[in-house]
Amino acid sequence: MALITSPAYQRMRMMEDQIIAGGSARSWLGTTEVLARAFHEAQMRASTTLNQRADPIADQVLVRALALAGTALVMVIVSIAFSLRLGDRLSKELASLRLAALEVSQERLPHVVAKLRKGEKVEMPELSVASTTVEIDDVGQAFSTVQQTAVEAAVGQAQLSEGVGHVFRNLARRSQTLLHRQRIQLADMQHRATDPEQLDDLFKLDHLTTRMRRHAEGLIILSGATPGRGWSRPVPLLDVARGAAAEVEDYQRVVVEPMPGQRLAGPVVGDMIHLIAELIENATVYSPAHTSVIVRGEAAARGFAIEVEDRGFGMEPEELAEYNERLASPPEFDLADSDRLGLFVVSRLAARHDIRVTLRGSPYGGTTAIVLIPEEHVAEPEPEAEAPKKEPVRPMRVVRSD
């Protein structure tokens, strides 16, 4: 405003009017130079004044910006620290929950199932995980509920298996009693019979009774009990193999080859006869009727080995591996798998006496079952009785009487 009202500016306006009117303006250059210097000075003063007024405001803005940035940085640091602490706590709680879950799945439940299979009572403690988080606490409670449900299911299954075992045992014991009485009656009838045809029929009935007794013993073995048939003295293994062959339906197809004279301990004889009979029965069932089943035995470095070889159609390698796994580690008896009762019985008997049963392919295309009896069950052959010494023949003297 001071520049517009100055004399220099007014002279410049008058000179502009003269020039517009067609006249000439004197001292134009001097007037404009003075006016330009004045304008420049005014600009400088205005700039200085503006800077003086803006500096405090800029300082305030910068201070506020720095304060906001510092506050934001502090909040970010606090947030990170809080997140790290919360994450560390959650990580520890999750790790604790994971360890508890692994303990339940890998230690507690298998231990409980093993005790239940033995018929022992179990008490399952609740799964407790120290947590300050509601979600993790809920997960821990859910795991505890799952654990309790699994234990209840295992208890129910164990009770069902035990009940089935009791039923098997009771029915088999009753059948054993009846079959024993029947065999006594058949033996008495055989002693009194004189007709060859009647004797042949009685022999067939006696053989059928023997097979029925073996099936009854199989039910007792599946129930976890012992059949009760045993011997007090060692029995030659050849007689054991022959006794097993006599309990098979197609006994005419079974060829028992001569064996060394080793004997089997008396308490093991009954179970061994049953085990070999099951293998022979399986060999006769899964081989053609016109083929033979060979039973042979020989002494081994750590016991005695008996082989049961059929000349049937054999099994695939995968099937052989599955059966050998079942024989090495007896599984739990499955009611739905009733077609493999013989396999369950063999595996139970083998595990009871530490006997190893292995299946392999036969050179004739069939299957060979190898039964390795540990040396603690095998006795040396019975020493042959020495022939009585003959007394020297004394001359006879005839006494004649007059």
Protein backbone atom coordinates (compact mmCIF):
# COMPACT_ATOMS: atom_id res chain seq x y z
CA MET A 1 0.00 0.00 0.00
CA ALA A 2 2.86 2.42 0.76
CA LEU A 3 4.36 1.72 -2.64
CA ILE A 4 1.11 2.58 -4.49
CA THR A 5 0.71 5.88 -2.68
CA SER A 6 4.34 6.90 -3.13
CA PRO A 7 5.24 9.93 -5.39
CA ALA A 8 7.29 7.71 -7.69
CA TYR A 9 4.33 5.50 -8.39
CA GLN A 10 2.09 8.50 -9.05
CA ARG A 11 4.62 9.99 -11.51
CA MET A 12 4.79 6.66 -13.30
CA ARG A 13 0.97 6.69 -13.66
CA MET A 14 1.02 10.17 -15.07
CA MET A 15 3.71 9.19 -17.54
CA GLU A 16 1.64 6.21 -18.59
CA ASP A 17 -1.36 8.50 -19.24
CA GLN A 18 0.86 10.83 -21.35
CA ILE A 19 2.16 7.95 -23.37
CA ILE A 20 -1.39 6.69 -23.91
CA ALA A 21 -2.46 10.17 -24.97
CA GLY A 22 0.34 10.16 -27.59
CA GLY A 23 2.78 12.37 -25.80
CA SER A 24 6.25 11.64 -24.56
CA ALA A 25 7.26 10.95 -20.99
CA ARG A 26 10.46 12.42 -19.72
CA SER A 27 12.60 10.76 -17.12
CA TRP A 28 10.73 7.47 -17.57
CA LEU A 29 13.76 5.35 -16.93
CA GLY A 30 14.74 7.11 -13.78
CA THR A 31 11.21 6.95 -12.40
CA THR A 32 10.84 3.22 -13.11
CA GLU A 33 14.22 2.43 -11.67
CA VAL A 34 13.35 4.23 -8.45
CA LEU A 35 10.01 2.44 -8.38
CA ALA A 36 11.66 -0.95 -9.05
CA ARG A 37 14.12 -0.45 -6.22
CA ALA A 38 11.29 0.54 -3.92
CA PHE A 39 9.29 -2.53 -4.98
CA HIS A 40 12.28 -4.78 -4.38
CA GLU A 41 12.82 -3.30 -0.96
CA ALA A 42 9.13 -3.80 -0.15
CA GLN A 43 9.37 -7.44 -1.17
CA MET A 44 12.40 -7.94 1.02
CA ARG A 45 10.70 -6.34 4.00
CA ALA A 46 7.57 -8.46 3.45
CA SER A 47 9.68 -11.62 3.15
CA THR A 48 11.54 -10.81 6.33
CA THR A 49 8.31 -10.09 8.15
CA LEU A 50 6.79 -13.34 6.83
CA ASN A 51 9.81 -15.34 7.94
CA GLN A 52 9.70 -13.76 11.37
CA ARG A 53 6.03 -14.69 11.72
CA ALA A 54 6.43 -18.22 10.21
CA ASP A 55 9.39 -19.37 12.30
CA PRO A 56 7.47 -19.79 15.56
CA ILE A 57 4.61 -21.55 13.76
CA ALA A 58 7.03 -23.87 11.94
CA ASP A 59 8.76 -24.65 15.21
CA GLN A 60 5.42 -25.48 16.80
CA VAL A 61 4.45 -27.70 13.86
CA LEU A 62 7.79 -29.48 13.96
CA VAL A 63 7.56 -29.96 17.70
CA ARG A 64 4.05 -31.38 17.35
CA ALA A 65 5.19 -33.67 14.52
CA LEU A 66 8.11 -34.89 16.58
CA ALA A 67 5.86 -35.39 19.57
CA LEU A 68 3.37 -37.38 17.47
CA ALA A 69 6.16 -39.42 15.90
CA GLY A 70 7.66 -40.14 19.31
CA THR A 71 4.28 -41.11 20.69
CA ALA A 72 3.65 -43.40 17.72
CA LEU A 73 7.09 -44.97 18.12
CA VAL A 74 6.50 -45.56 21.80
CA MET A 75 3.10 -47.12 21.03
CA VAL A 76 4.64 -49.34 18.36
CA ILE A 77 7.37 -50.46 20.78
CA VAL A 78 4.82 -51.12 23.52
CA SER A 79 2.63 -53.01 21.04
CA ILE A 80 5.56 -55.12 19.87
CA ALA A 81 6.62 -55.85 23.44
CA PHE A 82 3.07 -56.77 24.40
CA SER A 83 2.71 -58.96 21.30
CA LEU A 84 5.99 -60.71 21.99
CA ARG A 85 5.06 -61.33 25.60
CA LEU A 86 1.60 -62.54 24.66
CA GLY A 87 3.03 -64.67 21.85
CA ASP A 88 5.61 -66.18 24.18
CA ARG A 89 2.95 -67.00 26.73
CA LEU A 90 0.67 -68.49 24.08
CA SER A 91 3.59 -70.45 22.66
CA LYS A 92 4.40 -71.91 26.09
CA GLU A 93 0.77 -72.76 26.72
CA LEU A 94 0.40 -74.36 23.28
CA ALA A 95 3.63 -76.30 23.82
CA SER A 96 2.31 -77.49 27.18
CA LEU A 97 -0.98 -78.46 25.56
CA ARG A 98 0.88 -80.27 22.77
CA LEU A 99 3.00 -82.21 25.25
CA ALA A 100 -0.08 -83.15 27.23
CA ALA A 101 -1.86 -84.33 24.08
CA LEU A 102 1.18 -86.39 23.02
CA GLU A 103 1.39 -87.89 26.49
CA VAL A 104 -2.26 -88.88 26.30
CA SER A 105 -2.02 -90.37 22.81
CA GLN A 106 1.37 -92.08 23.12
CA GLU A 107 1.60 -93.06 26.79
CA ARG A 108 -1.60 -92.83 28.79
CA LEU A 109 -4.09 -94.38 26.39
CA PRO A 110 -1.81 -97.26 25.28
CA HIS A 111 -1.00 -97.95 28.93
CA VAL A 112 -4.68 -97.90 29.81
CA VAL A 113 -5.55 -100.21 26.90
CA ALA A 114 -2.77 -102.61 27.90
CA LYS A 115 -4.03 -102.72 31.50
CA LEU A 116 -7.59 -103.22 30.31
CA ARG A 117 -6.51 -106.14 28.15
CA LYS A 118 -5.00 -107.72 31.25
CA GLY A 119 -8.28 -107.25 33.10
CA GLU A 120 -6.94 -104.62 35.49
CA LYS A 121 -8.91 -101.60 36.65
CA VAL A 122 -7.74 -98.18 35.53
CA GLU A 123 -8.23 -94.62 36.73
CA MET A 124 -7.58 -91.94 34.15
CA PRO A 125 -6.62 -88.52 35.57
CA GLU A 126 -8.01 -85.48 33.86
CA LEU A 127 -5.88 -83.59 31.41
CA SER A 128 -4.91 -80.30 33.06
CA VAL A 129 -3.02 -77.51 31.29
CA ALA A 130 -2.15 -74.30 33.15
CA SER A 131 -3.51 -71.51 30.94
CA THR A 132 -4.65 -67.94 31.25
CA THR A 133 -6.28 -67.99 27.83
CA VAL A 134 -9.89 -69.01 27.58
CA GLU A 135 -9.46 -70.61 24.15
CA ILE A 136 -6.54 -72.79 25.18
CA ASP A 137 -8.34 -73.74 28.37
CA ASP A 138 -11.33 -74.79 26.25
CA VAL A 139 -9.07 -76.86 24.01
CA GLY A 140 -7.58 -78.55 27.09
CA GLN A 141 -11.05 -79.37 28.38
CA ALA A 142 -11.94 -80.75 24.95
CA PHE A 143 -8.85 -82.98 25.02
CA SER A 144 -9.79 -84.17 28.49
CA THR A 145 -13.28 -85.03 27.27
CA VAL A 146 -11.88 -86.89 24.28
CA GLN A 147 -9.51 -88.78 26.57
CA GLN A 148 -12.33 -89.76 28.90
CA THR A 149 -14.49 -90.86 25.97
CA ALA A 150 -11.65 -92.94 24.54
CA VAL A 151 -11.05 -94.60 27.91
CA GLU A 152 -14.75 -95.35 28.30
CA ALA A 153 -14.80 -96.85 24.80
CA ALA A 154 -11.71 -98.94 25.60
CA VAL A 155 -13.29 -100.08 28.88
CA GLY A 156 -16.47 -101.03 27.04
CA GLN A 157 -14.51 -102.93 24.41
CA ALA A 158 -12.46 -104.70 27.07
CA GLN A 159 -15.61 -105.67 28.94
CA LEU A 160 -17.15 -106.92 25.70
CA SER A 161 -14.04 -108.95 24.87
CA GLU A 162 -13.94 -110.32 28.40
CA GLY A 163 -17.61 -111.24 28.19
CA VAL A 164 -17.09 -112.97 24.85
CA GLY A 165 -14.09 -114.77 26.33
CA HIS A 166 -16.22 -115.98 29.25
CA VAL A 167 -18.86 -117.23 26.84
CA PHE A 168 -16.24 -119.05 24.76
CA ARG A 169 -14.68 -120.54 27.86
CA ASN A 170 -17.94 -121.72 29.41
CA LEU A 171 -19.23 -123.26 26.20
CA ALA A 172 -15.90 -124.91 25.47
CA ARG A 173 -15.58 -126.31 29.01
CA ARG A 174 -19.06 -127.81 28.76
CA SER A 175 -18.26 -129.24 25.35
CA GLN A 176 -14.99 -130.65 26.69
CA THR A 177 -16.82 -132.45 29.47
CA LEU A 178 -19.36 -133.96 27.08
CA LEU A 179 -16.70 -134.94 24.57
CA HIS A 180 -14.60 -136.57 27.27
CA ARG A 181 -17.57 -138.66 28.35
CA GLN A 182 -18.30 -139.48 24.72
CA ARG A 183 -14.72 -140.69 24.14
CA ILE A 184 -14.93 -142.92 27.21
CA GLN A 185 -18.15 -144.46 25.92
CA LEU A 186 -16.65 -144.92 22.45
CA ALA A 187 -13.57 -146.61 23.91
CA ASP A 188 -15.80 -148.97 25.88
CA MET A 189 -17.84 -149.73 22.74
CA GLN A 190 -14.65 -150.40 20.75
CA HIS A 191 -13.50 -152.90 23.36
CA ARG A 192 -16.82 -154.73 23.22
CA ALA A 193 -17.33 -154.59 19.43
CA THR A 194 -16.29 -157.57 17.31
CA ASP A 195 -17.73 -156.66 13.90
CA PRO A 196 -15.05 -155.00 11.69
CA GLU A 197 -17.60 -152.64 10.15
CA GLN A 198 -18.79 -151.54 13.56
CA LEU A 199 -15.19 -151.02 14.65
CA ASP A 200 -14.58 -148.88 11.58
CA ASP A 201 -17.67 -146.75 12.33
CA LEU A 202 -16.64 -146.40 15.96
CA PHE A 203 -13.15 -145.32 14.87
CA LYS A 204 -14.67 -142.65 12.62
CA LEU A 205 -16.81 -141.40 15.51
CA ASP A 206 -13.77 -141.35 17.77
CA HIS A 207 -11.83 -139.33 15.18
CA LEU A 208 -14.74 -136.91 14.83
CA THR A 209 -14.85 -136.52 18.62
CA THR A 210 -11.12 -135.77 18.64
CA ARG A 211 -11.60 -133.01 16.08
CA MET A 212 -14.51 -131.58 18.05
CA ARG A 213 -12.32 -131.55 21.16
CA ARG A 214 -9.64 -129.59 19.29
CA HIS A 215 -12.20 -126.99 18.20
CA ALA A 216 -13.43 -126.68 21.79
CA GLU A 217 -9.84 -126.17 22.92
CA GLY A 218 -9.48 -123.48 20.25
CA LEU A 219 -12.32 -121.54 21.85
CA ILE A 220 -10.64 -121.84 25.25
CA ILE A 221 -7.36 -120.56 23.81
CA LEU A 222 -9.11 -117.61 22.17
CA SER A 223 -10.66 -116.74 25.52
CA GLY A 224 -7.15 -116.45 27.02
CA ALA A 225 -7.29 -119.59 29.16
CA THR A 226 -5.40 -122.87 28.90
CA PRO A 227 -7.15 -126.01 27.61
CA GLY A 228 -5.91 -128.13 30.50
CA ARG A 229 -4.63 -131.06 28.42
CA GLY A 230 -1.04 -131.90 29.32
CA TRP A 231 1.46 -134.62 30.00
CA SER A 232 3.63 -135.15 33.05
CA ARG A 233 6.58 -136.71 31.19
CA PRO A 234 8.38 -135.73 27.97
CA VAL A 235 6.93 -137.16 24.75
CA PRO A 236 8.91 -137.95 21.58
CA LEU A 237 8.38 -135.26 18.96
CA LEU A 238 7.55 -137.93 16.40
CA ASP A 239 4.59 -138.98 18.56
CA VAL A 240 3.60 -135.32 18.92
CA ALA A 241 3.51 -134.91 15.13
CA ARG A 242 1.56 -138.14 14.69
CA GLY A 243 -0.93 -137.07 17.35
CA ALA A 244 -1.43 -133.75 15.57
CA ALA A 245 -2.00 -135.51 12.23
CA ALA A 246 -4.60 -137.78 13.87
CA GLU A 247 -6.70 -134.71 14.83
CA VAL A 248 -7.11 -133.57 11.20
CA GLU A 249 -10.07 -134.50 8.99
CA ASP A 250 -7.97 -135.58 5.98
CA TYR A 251 -5.42 -137.45 8.07
CA GLN A 252 -4.98 -139.98 5.24
CA ARG A 253 -3.21 -137.28 3.18
CA VAL A 254 -0.70 -136.47 5.93
CA VAL A 255 2.72 -138.10 5.72
CA VAL A 256 4.78 -137.88 8.92
CA GLU A 257 8.39 -138.60 8.07
CA PRO A 258 10.80 -140.19 10.56
CA MET A 259 12.37 -137.73 13.01
CA PRO A 260 15.23 -137.73 15.49
CA GLY A 261 14.47 -139.01 18.96
CA GLN A 262 14.28 -135.65 20.76
CA ARG A 263 11.39 -135.32 23.19
CA LEU A 264 9.06 -132.45 24.05
CA ALA A 265 8.47 -131.29 27.63
CA GLY A 266 5.19 -132.61 29.00
CA PRO A 267 3.49 -129.26 29.84
CA VAL A 268 3.97 -128.12 26.23
CA VAL A 269 2.77 -131.30 24.51
CA GLY A 270 -0.95 -130.48 24.46
CA ASP A 271 -0.50 -127.00 23.03
CA MET A 272 2.09 -128.23 20.54
CA ILE A 273 -0.23 -130.94 19.24
CA HIS A 274 -2.96 -128.34 18.82
CA LEU A 275 -0.61 -125.88 17.07
CA ILE A 276 0.70 -128.43 14.57
CA ALA A 277 -2.81 -129.78 13.98
CA GLU A 278 -4.04 -126.29 13.06
CA LEU A 279 -1.18 -125.90 10.57
CA ILE A 280 -1.84 -129.35 9.07
CA GLU A 281 -5.56 -128.61 8.86
CA ASN A 282 -4.82 -125.35 7.05
CA ALA A 283 -2.47 -127.17 4.66
CA THR A 284 -5.08 -129.81 3.79
CA VAL A 285 -7.83 -127.24 3.27
CA TYR A 286 -5.80 -125.02 0.91
CA SER A 287 -4.27 -127.75 -1.22
CA PRO A 288 -5.78 -130.13 -3.80
CA ALA A 289 -7.30 -133.36 -2.47
CA HIS A 290 -4.93 -135.57 -4.47
CA THR A 291 -1.78 -134.01 -2.97
CA SER A 292 0.00 -134.94 0.25
CA VAL A 293 0.95 -132.84 3.26
CA ILE A 294 4.45 -133.63 4.49
CA VAL A 295 5.42 -133.24 8.15
CA ARG A 296 9.12 -133.50 8.91
CA GLY A 297 11.34 -132.51 11.81
CA GLU A 298 14.99 -132.13 12.62
CA ALA A 299 17.19 -130.81 15.38
CA ALA A 300 18.29 -127.17 15.14
CA ALA A 301 21.07 -125.19 16.80
CA ARG A 302 18.65 -123.65 19.30
CA GLY A 303 15.91 -126.22 19.58
CA PHE A 304 13.89 -128.36 17.21
CA ALA A 305 12.27 -127.41 13.90
CA ILE A 306 9.10 -129.00 12.51
CA GLU A 307 8.03 -128.28 8.93
CA VAL A 308 4.51 -128.67 7.54
CA GLU A 309 4.63 -128.51 3.75
CA ASP A 310 1.68 -128.57 1.37
CA ARG A 311 1.67 -128.69 -2.41
CA GLY A 312 -1.16 -126.28 -3.01
CA PHE A 313 -1.38 -122.98 -4.84
CA GLY A 314 0.77 -120.96 -2.42
CA MET A 315 0.35 -117.34 -1.36
CA GLU A 316 1.47 -113.98 -2.66
CA PRO A 317 4.53 -112.35 -1.00
CA GLU A 318 2.35 -109.57 0.46
CA GLU A 319 -0.02 -112.14 1.97
CA LEU A 320 2.90 -114.14 3.38
CA ALA A 321 4.34 -110.99 4.96
CA GLU A 322 0.96 -110.15 6.53
CA TYR A 323 0.53 -113.64 7.98
CA ASN A 324 4.09 -113.70 9.33
CA GLU A 325 3.49 -110.33 11.00
CA ARG A 326 0.37 -111.67 12.67
CA LEU A 327 2.19 -114.81 13.81
CA ALA A 328 5.12 -112.80 15.20
CA SER A 329 2.88 -110.26 17.00
CA PRO A 330 -0.45 -111.86 17.96
CA PRO A 331 -3.23 -109.34 17.36
CA GLU A 332 -6.35 -108.91 19.42
CA PHE A 333 -9.05 -111.39 18.52
CA ASP A 334 -11.52 -109.75 16.17
CA LEU A 335 -15.02 -111.22 16.12
CA ALA A 336 -15.49 -109.91 12.57
CA ASP A 337 -12.46 -111.89 11.37
CA SER A 338 -13.77 -115.36 12.14
CA ASP A 339 -12.29 -116.86 8.97
CA ARG A 340 -8.83 -116.76 10.55
CA LEU A 341 -9.54 -118.53 13.82
CA GLY A 342 -6.77 -121.04 13.16
CA LEU A 343 -4.25 -118.22 12.69
CA PHE A 344 -5.32 -116.61 15.98
CA VAL A 345 -5.02 -119.93 17.81
CA VAL A 346 -1.55 -120.65 16.36
CA SER A 347 -0.28 -117.17 17.21
CA ARG A 348 -1.63 -117.38 20.77
CA LEU A 349 -0.08 -120.81 21.37
CA ALA A 350 3.24 -119.77 19.84
CA ALA A 351 3.42 -116.62 21.99
CA ARG A 352 2.54 -118.60 25.12
CA HIS A 353 5.60 -120.88 24.80
CA ASP A 354 7.96 -118.54 22.93
CA ILE A 355 7.66 -120.66 19.77
CA ARG A 356 8.40 -119.02 16.43
CA VAL A 357 6.16 -119.89 13.48
CA THR A 358 7.15 -118.70 10.01
CA LEU A 359 5.46 -119.18 6.64
CA ARG A 360 7.39 -119.30 3.38
CA GLY A 361 6.96 -120.53 -0.16
CA SER A 362 7.47 -124.19 -0.95
CA PRO A 363 9.59 -125.46 -3.89
CA TYR A 364 6.49 -127.37 -4.98
CA GLY A 365 4.48 -124.17 -5.31
CA GLY A 366 2.65 -124.47 -2.02
CA THR A 367 3.40 -123.14 1.45
CA THR A 368 5.73 -124.39 4.17
CA ALA A 369 5.09 -123.61 7.84
CA ILE A 370 8.23 -123.81 9.98
CA VAL A 371 7.77 -124.24 13.74
CA LEU A 372 10.91 -123.56 15.77
CA ILE A 373 10.61 -124.94 19.30
CA PRO A 374 13.05 -123.36 21.81
CA GLU A 375 15.68 -125.63 23.30
CA GLU A 376 14.27 -125.20 26.82
CA HIS A 377 11.21 -127.23 25.73
CA VAL A 378 13.25 -129.98 24.03
CA ALA A 379 14.83 -132.91 25.88
CA GLU A 380 17.39 -135.34 24.62
CA PRO A 381 16.28 -138.76 23.33
CA GLU A 382 15.50 -141.33 25.96
CA PRO A 383 18.47 -143.64 26.44
CA GLU A 384 17.87 -147.10 25.13
CA ALA A 385 17.38 -149.69 27.78
CA GLU A 386 20.24 -152.12 28.01
CA ALA A 387 19.43 -155.74 27.25
CA PRO A 388 19.47 -157.91 30.36
CA LYS A 389 22.63 -159.96 30.72
CA LYS A 390 22.11 -163.64 30.09
CA GLU A 391 23.15 -165.91 32.86
CA PRO A 392 25.59 -168.63 31.86
CA VAL A 393 23.87 -171.80 30.91
CA ARG A 394 24.47 -174.42 33.48
CA PRO A 395 24.47 -178.04 32.45
CA MET A 396 21.34 -179.89 33.35
CA ARG A 397 21.64 -183.08 35.27
CA VAL A 398 18.95 -185.67 34.95
CA VAL A 399 18.24 -187.54 38.12
CA ARG A 400 16.86 -190.95 37.60
CA SER A 401 15.18 -192.93 40.23
CA ASP A 402 15.33 -196.64 40.42
